[in-house]
C-alpha cells in the first residue's frame, strides 16, 4: 500500500530480442520496489540479474536483492504422491526517486541474441 501513489500504468512490449516492461508511476514516492519471481536461481552480475541465458536489466539505478522462498502447493499430496516443496527466487529492484512522476523500464533479453 502506497498512500501517495496517484497512478501506475504498466506496459509490456515484445521485440525480436527482448520483453520490455515499462511502469509509469505518478505520486510523491521516494522509493519503489519492483519484484520478479523465478524458479531459476538468479545471479547478480554487473548490476544485472542473470537467469540462465537471460538478463534482467533495469534502466534506472537500483539496489538489487535476491531471496529464496519455499512453499508446498495447495493440492500437493492429494494424488497420493508425497508433498513436494517448490523453491522460488524473489528478485527485488529497489529504485530511489527525487521526483513526483517517473518512468521505470526493465528489459529481459536472451544473452545468446547479443552474440548473433
PDB file of N, CA and C in Angstrom:
ATOM      1  N   UNK A   1       0.841  -1.180   0.000  1.00  0.00           N
ATOM      2  CA  UNK A   1       0.000   0.000   0.000  1.00  0.00           C
ATOM      3  C   UNK A   1       0.888   1.246   0.000  1.00  0.00           C
ATOM      4  N   UNK A   2       0.728   2.068  -1.007  1.00  0.00           N
ATOM      5  CA  UNK A   2       1.469   3.321  -1.101  1.00  0.00           C
ATOM      6  C   UNK A   2       0.428   4.434  -1.160  1.00  0.00           C
ATOM      7  N   UNK A   3       0.229   5.121  -0.042  1.00  0.00           N
ATOM      8  CA  UNK A   3      -0.850   6.113   0.044  1.00  0.00           C
ATOM      9  C   UNK A   3      -0.632   7.311  -0.868  1.00  0.00           C
ATOM     10  N   UNK A   4       0.620   7.605  -1.234  1.00  0.00           N
ATOM     11  CA  UNK A   4       0.888   8.763  -2.085  1.00  0.00           C
ATOM     12  C   UNK A   4       0.892   8.420  -3.577  1.00  0.00           C
ATOM     13  N   UNK A   5       0.630   7.174  -3.919  1.00  0.00           N
ATOM     14  CA  UNK A   5       0.586   6.758  -5.322  1.00  0.00           C
ATOM     15  C   UNK A   5      -0.698   7.259  -5.964  1.00  0.00           C
ATOM     16  N   UNK A   6      -0.556   8.057  -7.021  1.00  0.00           N
ATOM     17  CA  UNK A   6      -1.724   8.565  -7.745  1.00  0.00           C
ATOM     18  C   UNK A   6      -2.111   7.629  -8.873  1.00  0.00           C
ATOM     19  N   UNK A   7      -1.101   7.130  -9.606  1.00  0.00           N
ATOM     20  CA  UNK A   7      -1.408   6.184 -10.686  1.00  0.00           C
ATOM     21  C   UNK A   7      -0.177   5.354 -11.026  1.00  0.00           C
ATOM     22  N   UNK A   8      -0.435   4.162 -11.535  1.00  0.00           N
ATOM     23  CA  UNK A   8       0.593   3.261 -12.022  1.00  0.00           C
ATOM     24  C   UNK A   8       0.077   2.653 -13.314  1.00  0.00           C
ATOM     25  N   UNK A   9       0.796   2.883 -14.392  1.00  0.00           N
ATOM     26  CA  UNK A   9       0.423   2.313 -15.691  1.00  0.00           C
ATOM     27  C   UNK A   9       1.555   1.391 -16.100  1.00  0.00           C
ATOM     28  N   UNK A  10       1.256   0.124 -16.345  1.00  0.00           N
ATOM     29  CA  UNK A  10       2.264  -0.872 -16.715  1.00  0.00           C
ATOM     30  C   UNK A  10       2.053  -1.266 -18.167  1.00  0.00           C
ATOM     31  N   UNK A  11       3.139  -1.272 -18.922  1.00  0.00           N
ATOM     32  CA  UNK A  11       3.072  -1.609 -20.341  1.00  0.00           C
ATOM     33  C   UNK A  11       4.089  -2.705 -20.634  1.00  0.00           C
ATOM     34  N   UNK A  12       3.668  -3.719 -21.389  1.00  0.00           N
ATOM     35  CA  UNK A  12       4.554  -4.785 -21.836  1.00  0.00           C
ATOM     36  C   UNK A  12       4.721  -4.679 -23.344  1.00  0.00           C
ATOM     37  N   UNK A  13       5.958  -4.812 -23.801  1.00  0.00           N
ATOM     38  CA  UNK A  13       6.241  -4.826 -25.229  1.00  0.00           C
ATOM     39  C   UNK A  13       7.105  -6.048 -25.513  1.00  0.00           C
ATOM     40  N   UNK A  14       6.914  -6.642 -26.671  1.00  0.00           N
ATOM     41  CA  UNK A  14       7.725  -7.774 -27.084  1.00  0.00           C
ATOM     42  C   UNK A  14       8.434  -7.398 -28.370  1.00  0.00           C
ATOM     43  N   UNK A  15       9.770  -7.390 -28.336  1.00  0.00           N
ATOM     44  CA  UNK A  15      10.548  -7.110 -29.539  1.00  0.00           C
ATOM     45  C   UNK A  15      11.168  -8.424 -30.009  1.00  0.00           C
ATOM     46  N   UNK A  16      11.982  -8.360 -31.042  1.00  0.00           N
ATOM     47  CA  UNK A  16      12.644  -9.572 -31.534  1.00  0.00           C
ATOM     48  C   UNK A  16      13.643 -10.125 -30.532  1.00  0.00           C
ATOM     49  N   UNK A  17      14.174  -9.264 -29.673  1.00  0.00           N
ATOM     50  CA  UNK A  17      15.231  -9.695 -28.760  1.00  0.00           C
ATOM     51  C   UNK A  17      14.919  -9.525 -27.282  1.00  0.00           C
ATOM     52  N   UNK A  18      13.763  -8.938 -26.940  1.00  0.00           N
ATOM     53  CA  UNK A  18      13.533  -8.653 -25.524  1.00  0.00           C
ATOM     54  C   UNK A  18      12.050  -8.547 -25.190  1.00  0.00           C
ATOM     55  N   UNK A  19      11.763  -8.798 -23.919  1.00  0.00           N
ATOM     56  CA  UNK A  19      10.476  -8.463 -23.326  1.00  0.00           C
ATOM     57  C   UNK A  19      10.734  -7.199 -22.522  1.00  0.00           C
ATOM     58  N   UNK A  20       9.968  -6.153 -22.788  1.00  0.00           N
ATOM     59  CA  UNK A  20      10.202  -4.852 -22.151  1.00  0.00           C
ATOM     60  C   UNK A  20       9.006  -4.511 -21.282  1.00  0.00           C
ATOM     61  N   UNK A  21       9.272  -4.261 -20.017  1.00  0.00           N
ATOM     62  CA  UNK A  21       8.256  -3.869 -19.047  1.00  0.00           C
ATOM     63  C   UNK A  21       8.525  -2.420 -18.670  1.00  0.00           C
ATOM     64  N   UNK A  22       7.533  -1.567 -18.862  1.00  0.00           N
ATOM     65  CA  UNK A  22       7.683  -0.156 -18.524  1.00  0.00           C
ATOM     66  C   UNK A  22       6.572   0.242 -17.561  1.00  0.00           C
ATOM     67  N   UNK A  23       6.954   0.863 -16.455  1.00  0.00           N
ATOM     68  CA  UNK A  23       6.000   1.382 -15.479  1.00  0.00           C
ATOM     69  C   UNK A  23       6.051   2.901 -15.508  1.00  0.00           C
ATOM     70  N   UNK A  24       4.880   3.519 -15.616  1.00  0.00           N
ATOM     71  CA  UNK A  24       4.740   4.964 -15.478  1.00  0.00           C
ATOM     72  C   UNK A  24       4.112   5.192 -14.108  1.00  0.00           C
ATOM     73  N   UNK A  25       4.847   5.825 -13.217  1.00  0.00           N
ATOM     74  CA  UNK A  25       4.408   5.992 -11.836  1.00  0.00           C
ATOM     75  C   UNK A  25       4.213   7.477 -11.563  1.00  0.00           C
ATOM     76  N   UNK A  26       3.075   7.825 -10.960  1.00  0.00           N
ATOM     77  CA  UNK A  26       2.783   9.203 -10.600  1.00  0.00           C
ATOM     78  C   UNK A  26       2.413   9.239  -9.128  1.00  0.00           C
ATOM     79  N   UNK A  27       3.096  10.079  -8.385  1.00  0.00           N
ATOM     80  CA  UNK A  27       2.832  10.209  -6.962  1.00  0.00           C
ATOM     81  C   UNK A  27       4.091  10.668  -6.244  1.00  0.00           C
ATOM     82  N   UNK A  28       3.950  11.080  -5.015  1.00  0.00           N
ATOM     83  CA  UNK A  28       5.097  11.530  -4.234  1.00  0.00           C
ATOM     84  C   UNK A  28       5.756  10.318  -3.582  1.00  0.00           C
ATOM     85  N   UNK A  29       6.612   9.663  -4.364  1.00  0.00           N
ATOM     86  CA  UNK A  29       7.239   8.419  -3.936  1.00  0.00           C
ATOM     87  C   UNK A  29       8.751   8.601  -3.977  1.00  0.00           C
ATOM     88  N   UNK A  30       9.431   8.232  -2.899  1.00  0.00           N
ATOM     89  CA  UNK A  30      10.883   8.353  -2.874  1.00  0.00           C
ATOM     90  C   UNK A  30      11.576   7.032  -3.197  1.00  0.00           C
ATOM     91  N   UNK A  31      10.873   5.933  -3.004  1.00  0.00           N
ATOM     92  CA  UNK A  31      11.438   4.637  -3.385  1.00  0.00           C
ATOM     93  C   UNK A  31      10.310   3.724  -3.838  1.00  0.00           C
ATOM     94  N   UNK A  32      10.684   2.811  -4.705  1.00  0.00           N
ATOM     95  CA  UNK A  32       9.696   1.921  -5.309  1.00  0.00           C
ATOM     96  C   UNK A  32      10.389   0.585  -5.544  1.00  0.00           C
ATOM     97  N   UNK A  33       9.788  -0.514  -5.129  1.00  0.00           N
ATOM     98  CA  UNK A  33      10.405  -1.825  -5.315  1.00  0.00           C
ATOM     99  C   UNK A  33       9.614  -2.617  -6.334  1.00  0.00           C
ATOM    100  N   UNK A  34      10.318  -3.069  -7.363  1.00  0.00           N
ATOM    101  CA  UNK A  34       9.751  -3.951  -8.385  1.00  0.00           C
ATOM    102  C   UNK A  34      10.193  -5.363  -8.031  1.00  0.00           C
ATOM    103  N   UNK A  35       9.256  -6.309  -7.953  1.00  0.00           N
ATOM    104  CA  UNK A  35       9.594  -7.689  -7.586  1.00  0.00           C
ATOM    105  C   UNK A  35       9.271  -8.621  -8.741  1.00  0.00           C
ATOM    106  N   UNK A  36      10.216  -9.473  -9.027  1.00  0.00           N
ATOM    107  CA  UNK A  36      10.049 -10.523 -10.022  1.00  0.00           C
ATOM    108  C   UNK A  36      10.262 -11.861  -9.328  1.00  0.00           C
ATOM    109  N   UNK A  37       9.621 -12.895  -9.828  1.00  0.00           N
ATOM    110  CA  UNK A  37       9.727 -14.226  -9.253  1.00  0.00           C
ATOM    111  C   UNK A  37      10.234 -15.186 -10.321  1.00  0.00           C
ATOM    112  N   UNK A  38      11.108 -16.110  -9.912  1.00  0.00           N
ATOM    113  CA  UNK A  38      11.683 -17.055 -10.866  1.00  0.00           C
ATOM    114  C   UNK A  38      11.902 -18.403 -10.209  1.00  0.00           C
ATOM    115  N   UNK A  39      11.701 -19.467 -10.957  1.00  0.00           N
ATOM    116  CA  UNK A  39      12.047 -20.799 -10.463  1.00  0.00           C
ATOM    117  C   UNK A  39      13.501 -21.120 -10.783  1.00  0.00           C
ATOM    118  N   UNK A  40      14.136 -20.295 -11.612  1.00  0.00           N
ATOM    119  CA  UNK A  40      15.551 -20.438 -11.957  1.00  0.00           C
ATOM    120  C   UNK A  40      16.366 -19.614 -10.969  1.00  0.00           C
ATOM    121  N   UNK A  41      17.433 -20.201 -10.421  1.00  0.00           N
ATOM    122  CA  UNK A  41      18.262 -19.480  -9.456  1.00  0.00           C
ATOM    123  C   UNK A  41      18.970 -18.318 -10.158  1.00  0.00           C
ATOM    124  N   UNK A  42      18.715 -17.083  -9.716  1.00  0.00           N
ATOM    125  CA  UNK A  42      19.324 -15.912 -10.348  1.00  0.00           C
ATOM    126  C   UNK A  42      20.701 -15.603  -9.762  1.00  0.00           C
ATOM    127  N   UNK A  43      21.443 -14.811 -10.513  1.00  0.00           N
ATOM    128  CA  UNK A  43      22.762 -14.347 -10.082  1.00  0.00           C
ATOM    129  C   UNK A  43      22.863 -12.865 -10.427  1.00  0.00           C
ATOM    130  N   UNK A  44      23.390 -12.073  -9.503  1.00  0.00           N
ATOM    131  CA  UNK A  44      23.598 -10.649  -9.758  1.00  0.00           C
ATOM    132  C   UNK A  44      25.005 -10.475 -10.307  1.00  0.00           C
ATOM    133  N   UNK A  45      25.098  -9.822 -11.463  1.00  0.00           N
ATOM    134  CA  UNK A  45      26.406  -9.599 -12.093  1.00  0.00           C
ATOM    135  C   UNK A  45      26.353  -8.274 -12.852  1.00  0.00           C
ATOM    136  N   UNK A  46      27.273  -7.369 -12.543  1.00  0.00           N
ATOM    137  CA  UNK A  46      27.365  -6.080 -13.229  1.00  0.00           C
ATOM    138  C   UNK A  46      26.041  -5.316 -13.222  1.00  0.00           C
ATOM    139  N   UNK A  47      25.368  -5.281 -12.067  1.00  0.00           N
ATOM    140  CA  UNK A  47      24.090  -4.582 -11.896  1.00  0.00           C
ATOM    141  C   UNK A  47      22.989  -5.112 -12.809  1.00  0.00           C
ATOM    142  N   UNK A  48      23.096  -6.402 -13.170  1.00  0.00           N
ATOM    143  CA  UNK A  48      22.072  -7.115 -13.935  1.00  0.00           C
ATOM    144  C   UNK A  48      21.772  -8.408 -13.200  1.00  0.00           C
ATOM    145  N   UNK A  49      20.616  -8.980 -13.493  1.00  0.00           N
ATOM    146  CA  UNK A  49      20.283 -10.278 -12.934  1.00  0.00           C
ATOM    147  C   UNK A  49      20.353 -11.291 -14.068  1.00  0.00           C
ATOM    148  N   UNK A  50      21.136 -12.343 -13.859  1.00  0.00           N
ATOM    149  CA  UNK A  50      21.319 -13.379 -14.861  1.00  0.00           C
ATOM    150  C   UNK A  50      20.433 -14.566 -14.476  1.00  0.00           C
ATOM    151  N   UNK A  51      19.604 -15.004 -15.425  1.00  0.00           N
ATOM    152  CA  UNK A  51      18.732 -16.168 -15.255  1.00  0.00           C
ATOM    153  C   UNK A  51      19.028 -17.120 -16.418  1.00  0.00           C
ATOM    154  N   UNK A  52      19.973 -18.034 -16.193  1.00  0.00           N
ATOM    155  CA  UNK A  52      20.465 -18.926 -17.241  1.00  0.00           C
ATOM    156  C   UNK A  52      20.931 -18.102 -18.442  1.00  0.00           C
ATOM    157  N   UNK A  53      20.265 -18.189 -19.586  1.00  0.00           N
ATOM    158  CA  UNK A  53      20.683 -17.448 -20.779  1.00  0.00           C
ATOM    159  C   UNK A  53      20.051 -16.069 -20.884  1.00  0.00           C
ATOM    160  N   UNK A  54      19.345 -15.638 -19.857  1.00  0.00           N
ATOM    161  CA  UNK A  54      18.632 -14.360 -19.922  1.00  0.00           C
ATOM    162  C   UNK A  54      19.217 -13.359 -18.948  1.00  0.00           C
ATOM    163  N   UNK A  55      19.097 -12.083 -19.297  1.00  0.00           N
ATOM    164  CA  UNK A  55      19.488 -10.987 -18.419  1.00  0.00           C
ATOM    165  C   UNK A  55      18.257 -10.148 -18.122  1.00  0.00           C
ATOM    166  N   UNK A  56      18.125  -9.748 -16.872  1.00  0.00           N
ATOM    167  CA  UNK A  56      17.069  -8.827 -16.459  1.00  0.00           C
ATOM    168  C   UNK A  56      17.761  -7.525 -16.072  1.00  0.00           C
ATOM    169  N   UNK A  57      17.439  -6.446 -16.769  1.00  0.00           N
ATOM    170  CA  UNK A  57      18.141  -5.186 -16.619  1.00  0.00           C
ATOM    171  C   UNK A  57      17.144  -4.079 -16.308  1.00  0.00           C
ATOM    172  N   UNK A  58      17.471  -3.242 -15.330  1.00  0.00           N
ATOM    173  CA  UNK A  58      16.676  -2.062 -15.012  1.00  0.00           C
ATOM    174  C   UNK A  58      17.402  -0.841 -15.554  1.00  0.00           C
ATOM    175  N   UNK A  59      16.690   0.016 -16.280  1.00  0.00           N
ATOM    176  CA  UNK A  59      17.310   1.221 -16.838  1.00  0.00           C
ATOM    177  C   UNK A  59      17.756   2.193 -15.759  1.00  0.00           C
ATOM    178  N   UNK A  60      17.070   2.228 -14.635  1.00  0.00           N
ATOM    179  CA  UNK A  60      17.410   3.135 -13.543  1.00  0.00           C
ATOM    180  C   UNK A  60      18.369   2.456 -12.574  1.00  0.00           C
ATOM    181  N   UNK A  61      19.121   3.266 -11.827  1.00  0.00           N
ATOM    182  CA  UNK A  61      19.962   2.698 -10.775  1.00  0.00           C
ATOM    183  C   UNK A  61      19.058   2.077  -9.725  1.00  0.00           C
ATOM    184  N   UNK A  62      19.424   0.869  -9.290  1.00  0.00           N
ATOM    185  CA  UNK A  62      18.593   0.172  -8.318  1.00  0.00           C
ATOM    186  C   UNK A  62      19.455  -0.684  -7.404  1.00  0.00           C
ATOM    187  N   UNK A  63      18.970  -0.880  -6.188  1.00  0.00           N
ATOM    188  CA  UNK A  63      19.562  -1.863  -5.283  1.00  0.00           C
ATOM    189  C   UNK A  63      18.896  -3.189  -5.602  1.00  0.00           C
ATOM    190  N   UNK A  64      19.678  -4.176  -5.945  1.00  0.00           N
ATOM    191  CA  UNK A  64      19.127  -5.485  -6.321  1.00  0.00           C
ATOM    192  C   UNK A  64      19.355  -6.452  -5.174  1.00  0.00           C
ATOM    193  N   UNK A  65      18.313  -7.177  -4.812  1.00  0.00           N
ATOM    194  CA  UNK A  65      18.455  -8.223  -3.800  1.00  0.00           C
ATOM    195  C   UNK A  65      17.682  -9.465  -4.252  1.00  0.00           C
ATOM    196  N   UNK A  66      18.159 -10.609  -3.789  1.00  0.00           N
ATOM    197  CA  UNK A  66      17.533 -11.889  -4.136  1.00  0.00           C
ATOM    198  C   UNK A  66      17.272 -12.642  -2.849  1.00  0.00           C
ATOM    199  N   UNK A  67      16.079 -13.187  -2.726  1.00  0.00           N
ATOM    200  CA  UNK A  67      15.758 -14.034  -1.586  1.00  0.00           C
ATOM    201  C   UNK A  67      15.117 -15.318  -2.088  1.00  0.00           C
ATOM    202  N   UNK A  68      15.161 -16.328  -1.261  1.00  0.00           N
ATOM    203  CA  UNK A  68      14.624 -17.635  -1.628  1.00  0.00           C
ATOM    204  C   UNK A  68      13.358 -17.890  -0.821  1.00  0.00           C
ATOM    205  N   UNK A  69      12.359 -18.433  -1.487  1.00  0.00           N
ATOM    206  CA  UNK A  69      11.068 -18.693  -0.859  1.00  0.00           C
ATOM    207  C   UNK A  69      10.663 -20.125  -1.211  1.00  0.00           C
ATOM    208  N   UNK A  70      10.379 -20.937  -0.202  1.00  0.00           N
ATOM    209  CA  UNK A  70       9.938 -22.314  -0.445  1.00  0.00           C
ATOM    210  C   UNK A  70       8.499 -22.467   0.003  1.00  0.00           C
ATOM    211  N   UNK A  71       7.742 -23.190  -0.788  1.00  0.00           N
ATOM    212  CA  UNK A  71       6.349 -23.411  -0.445  1.00  0.00           C
ATOM    213  C   UNK A  71       5.905 -24.782  -0.943  1.00  0.00           C
ATOM    214  N   UNK A  72       4.797 -25.264  -0.385  1.00  0.00           N
ATOM    215  CA  UNK A  72       4.184 -26.504  -0.827  1.00  0.00           C
ATOM    216  C   UNK A  72       2.879 -26.147  -1.527  1.00  0.00           C
ATOM    217  N   UNK A  73       2.722 -26.574  -2.769  1.00  0.00           N
ATOM    218  CA  UNK A  73       1.482 -26.252  -3.493  1.00  0.00           C
ATOM    219  C   UNK A  73       0.256 -26.743  -2.724  1.00  0.00           C
ATOM    220  N   UNK A  74      -0.819 -26.017  -2.845  1.00  0.00           N
ATOM    221  CA  UNK A  74      -2.039 -26.274  -2.088  1.00  0.00           C
ATOM    222  C   UNK A  74      -2.533 -27.715  -2.206  1.00  0.00           C
ATOM    223  N   UNK A  75      -2.517 -28.278  -3.407  1.00  0.00           N
ATOM    224  CA  UNK A  75      -3.078 -29.613  -3.599  1.00  0.00           C
ATOM    225  C   UNK A  75      -2.019 -30.704  -3.663  1.00  0.00           C
ATOM    226  N   UNK A  76      -0.816 -30.397  -3.241  1.00  0.00           N
ATOM    227  CA  UNK A  76       0.258 -31.373  -3.233  1.00  0.00           C
ATOM    228  C   UNK A  76      -0.096 -32.510  -2.279  1.00  0.00           C
ATOM    229  N   UNK A  77       0.116 -33.741  -2.705  1.00  0.00           N
ATOM    230  CA  UNK A  77      -0.147 -34.902  -1.866  1.00  0.00           C
ATOM    231  C   UNK A  77      -1.531 -35.490  -2.041  1.00  0.00           C
ATOM    232  N   UNK A  78      -2.468 -34.793  -2.675  1.00  0.00           N
ATOM    233  CA  UNK A  78      -3.825 -35.303  -2.843  1.00  0.00           C
ATOM    234  C   UNK A  78      -3.888 -36.463  -3.832  1.00  0.00           C
ATOM    235  N   UNK A  79      -2.918 -36.552  -4.732  1.00  0.00           N
ATOM    236  CA  UNK A  79      -2.919 -37.635  -5.713  1.00  0.00           C
ATOM    237  C   UNK A  79      -2.147 -38.846  -5.215  1.00  0.00           C
ATOM    238  N   UNK A  80      -1.798 -38.877  -3.933  1.00  0.00           N
ATOM    239  CA  UNK A  80      -1.064 -39.996  -3.362  1.00  0.00           C
ATOM    240  C   UNK A  80       0.436 -39.779  -3.347  1.00  0.00           C
ATOM    241  N   UNK A  81       0.907 -38.826  -4.108  1.00  0.00           N
ATOM    242  CA  UNK A  81       2.332 -38.529  -4.106  1.00  0.00           C
ATOM    243  C   UNK A  81       2.679 -37.744  -2.840  1.00  0.00           C
ATOM    244  N   UNK A  82       3.931 -37.813  -2.456  1.00  0.00           N
ATOM    245  CA  UNK A  82       4.354 -37.074  -1.268  1.00  0.00           C
ATOM    246  C   UNK A  82       4.298 -35.572  -1.508  1.00  0.00           C
ATOM    247  N   UNK A  83       4.128 -34.853  -0.403  1.00  0.00           N
ATOM    248  CA  UNK A  83       4.188 -33.391  -0.506  1.00  0.00           C
ATOM    249  C   UNK A  83       5.563 -32.982  -1.014  1.00  0.00           C
ATOM    250  N   UNK A  84       5.579 -32.066  -1.925  1.00  0.00           N
ATOM    251  CA  UNK A  84       6.830 -31.586  -2.503  1.00  0.00           C
ATOM    252  C   UNK A  84       6.894 -30.083  -2.345  1.00  0.00           C
ATOM    253  N   UNK A  85       7.988 -29.615  -1.792  1.00  0.00           N
ATOM    254  CA  UNK A  85       8.130 -28.168  -1.699  1.00  0.00           C
ATOM    255  C   UNK A  85       8.782 -27.653  -2.982  1.00  0.00           C
ATOM    256  N   UNK A  86       8.442 -26.436  -3.328  1.00  0.00           N
ATOM    257  CA  UNK A  86       8.944 -25.793  -4.528  1.00  0.00           C
ATOM    258  C   UNK A  86       9.722 -24.558  -4.107  1.00  0.00           C
ATOM    259  N   UNK A  87      10.846 -24.344  -4.762  1.00  0.00           N
ATOM    260  CA  UNK A  87      11.669 -23.174  -4.468  1.00  0.00           C
ATOM    261  C   UNK A  87      11.433 -22.102  -5.522  1.00  0.00           C
ATOM    262  N   UNK A  88      11.168 -20.901  -5.072  1.00  0.00           N
ATOM    263  CA  UNK A  88      11.055 -19.724  -5.932  1.00  0.00           C
ATOM    264  C   UNK A  88      12.082 -18.712  -5.451  1.00  0.00           C
ATOM    265  N   UNK A  89      12.598 -17.940  -6.373  1.00  0.00           N
ATOM    266  CA  UNK A  89      13.531 -16.876  -6.044  1.00  0.00           C
ATOM    267  C   UNK A  89      12.843 -15.544  -6.287  1.00  0.00           C
ATOM    268  N   UNK A  90      12.918 -14.672  -5.308  1.00  0.00           N
ATOM    269  CA  UNK A  90      12.311 -13.345  -5.408  1.00  0.00           C
ATOM    270  C   UNK A  90      13.415 -12.338  -5.707  1.00  0.00           C
ATOM    271  N   UNK A  91      13.262 -11.621  -6.800  1.00  0.00           N
ATOM    272  CA  UNK A  91      14.258 -10.652  -7.252  1.00  0.00           C
ATOM    273  C   UNK A  91      13.664  -9.264  -7.059  1.00  0.00           C
ATOM    274  N   UNK A  92      14.267  -8.482  -6.175  1.00  0.00           N
ATOM    275  CA  UNK A  92      13.774  -7.134  -5.891  1.00  0.00           C
ATOM    276  C   UNK A  92      14.727  -6.086  -6.450  1.00  0.00           C
ATOM    277  N   UNK A  93      14.143  -5.120  -7.156  1.00  0.00           N
ATOM    278  CA  UNK A  93      14.865  -3.942  -7.620  1.00  0.00           C
ATOM    279  C   UNK A  93      14.290  -2.762  -6.843  1.00  0.00           C
ATOM    280  N   UNK A  94      15.050  -2.226  -5.896  1.00  0.00           N
ATOM    281  CA  UNK A  94      14.595  -1.055  -5.141  1.00  0.00           C
ATOM    282  C   UNK A  94      15.181   0.176  -5.817  1.00  0.00           C
ATOM    283  N   UNK A  95      14.291   1.024  -6.317  1.00  0.00           N
ATOM    284  CA  UNK A  95      14.690   2.211  -7.058  1.00  0.00           C
ATOM    285  C   UNK A  95      14.321   3.437  -6.227  1.00  0.00           C
ATOM    286  N   UNK A  96      15.225   4.422  -6.171  1.00  0.00           N
ATOM    287  CA  UNK A  96      15.009   5.641  -5.395  1.00  0.00           C
ATOM    288  C   UNK A  96      14.764   6.806  -6.348  1.00  0.00           C
ATOM    289  N   UNK A  97      13.805   7.664  -6.005  1.00  0.00           N
ATOM    290  CA  UNK A  97      13.411   8.775  -6.876  1.00  0.00           C
ATOM    291  C   UNK A  97      13.391  10.086  -6.111  1.00  0.00           C
ATOM    292  N   UNK A  98      13.602  11.172  -6.844  1.00  0.00           N
ATOM    293  CA  UNK A  98      13.528  12.508  -6.254  1.00  0.00           C
ATOM    294  C   UNK A  98      12.491  13.350  -6.989  1.00  0.00           C
ATOM    295  N   UNK A  99      11.594  12.713  -7.703  1.00  0.00           N
ATOM    296  CA  UNK A  99      10.606  13.455  -8.485  1.00  0.00           C
ATOM    297  C   UNK A  99       9.215  12.883  -8.227  1.00  0.00           C
ATOM    298  N   UNK A 100       8.215  13.581  -8.658  1.00  0.00           N
ATOM    299  CA  UNK A 100       6.836  13.165  -8.408  1.00  0.00           C
ATOM    300  C   UNK A 100       6.404  12.080  -9.389  1.00  0.00           C
ATOM    301  N   UNK A 101       6.726  12.217 -10.648  1.00  0.00           N
ATOM    302  CA  UNK A 101       6.355  11.207 -11.639  1.00  0.00           C
ATOM    303  C   UNK A 101       7.628  10.648 -12.255  1.00  0.00           C
ATOM    304  N   UNK A 102       7.642   9.356 -12.521  1.00  0.00           N
ATOM    305  CA  UNK A 102       8.839   8.765 -13.096  1.00  0.00           C
ATOM    306  C   UNK A 102       8.486   7.568 -13.972  1.00  0.00           C
ATOM    307  N   UNK A 103       9.473   7.162 -14.739  1.00  0.00           N
ATOM    308  CA  UNK A 103       9.363   6.056 -15.679  1.00  0.00           C
ATOM    309  C   UNK A 103      10.392   5.015 -15.271  1.00  0.00           C
ATOM    310  N   UNK A 104       9.992   3.770 -15.207  1.00  0.00           N
ATOM    311  CA  UNK A 104      10.888   2.686 -14.836  1.00  0.00           C
ATOM    312  C   UNK A 104      10.788   1.617 -15.907  1.00  0.00           C
ATOM    313  N   UNK A 105      11.900   1.259 -16.545  1.00  0.00           N
ATOM    314  CA  UNK A 105      11.873   0.284 -17.626  1.00  0.00           C
ATOM    315  C   UNK A 105      12.812  -0.872 -17.326  1.00  0.00           C
ATOM    316  N   UNK A 106      12.318  -2.094 -17.559  1.00  0.00           N
ATOM    317  CA  UNK A 106      13.101  -3.318 -17.398  1.00  0.00           C
ATOM    318  C   UNK A 106      13.165  -4.035 -18.730  1.00  0.00           C
ATOM    319  N   UNK A 107      14.306  -4.664 -18.989  1.00  0.00           N
ATOM    320  CA  UNK A 107      14.482  -5.466 -20.194  1.00  0.00           C
ATOM    321  C   UNK A 107      14.842  -6.882 -19.788  1.00  0.00           C
ATOM    322  N   UNK A 108      14.175  -7.858 -20.368  1.00  0.00           N
ATOM    323  CA  UNK A 108      14.540  -9.253 -20.190  1.00  0.00           C
ATOM    324  C   UNK A 108      14.896  -9.746 -21.578  1.00  0.00           C
ATOM    325  N   UNK A 109      16.164 -10.039 -21.790  1.00  0.00           N
ATOM    326  CA  UNK A 109      16.537 -10.468 -23.124  1.00  0.00           C
ATOM    327  C   UNK A 109      17.464 -11.667 -23.072  1.00  0.00           C
ATOM    328  N   UNK A 110      17.490 -12.392 -24.182  1.00  0.00           N
ATOM    329  CA  UNK A 110      18.297 -13.589 -24.333  1.00  0.00           C
ATOM    330  C   UNK A 110      19.726 -13.161 -24.623  1.00  0.00           C
ATOM    331  N   UNK A 111      20.668 -13.560 -23.756  1.00  0.00           N
ATOM    332  CA  UNK A 111      22.062 -13.182 -23.947  1.00  0.00           C
ATOM    333  C   UNK A 111      22.615 -13.760 -25.249  1.00  0.00           C
ATOM    334  N   UNK A 112      22.080 -14.883 -25.688  1.00  0.00           N
ATOM    335  CA  UNK A 112      22.551 -15.522 -26.921  1.00  0.00           C
ATOM    336  C   UNK A 112      22.243 -14.642 -28.133  1.00  0.00           C
ATOM    337  N   UNK A 113      21.160 -13.850 -28.076  1.00  0.00           N
ATOM    338  CA  UNK A 113      20.802 -12.986 -29.186  1.00  0.00           C
ATOM    339  C   UNK A 113      21.837 -11.880 -29.378  1.00  0.00           C
ATOM    340  N   UNK A 114      22.552 -11.532 -28.308  1.00  0.00           N
ATOM    341  CA  UNK A 114      23.576 -10.492 -28.398  1.00  0.00           C
ATOM    342  C   UNK A 114      24.784 -10.949 -29.210  1.00  0.00           C
ATOM    343  N   UNK A 115      24.951 -12.262 -29.314  1.00  0.00           N
ATOM    344  CA  UNK A 115      26.135 -12.817 -29.989  1.00  0.00           C
ATOM    345  C   UNK A 115      25.893 -13.115 -31.461  1.00  0.00           C
ATOM    346  N   UNK A 116      24.727 -12.744 -31.980  1.00  0.00           N
ATOM    347  CA  UNK A 116      24.448 -13.054 -33.384  1.00  0.00           C
ATOM    348  C   UNK A 116      25.101 -12.053 -34.302  1.00  0.00           C
TER     349      UNK A 116
END
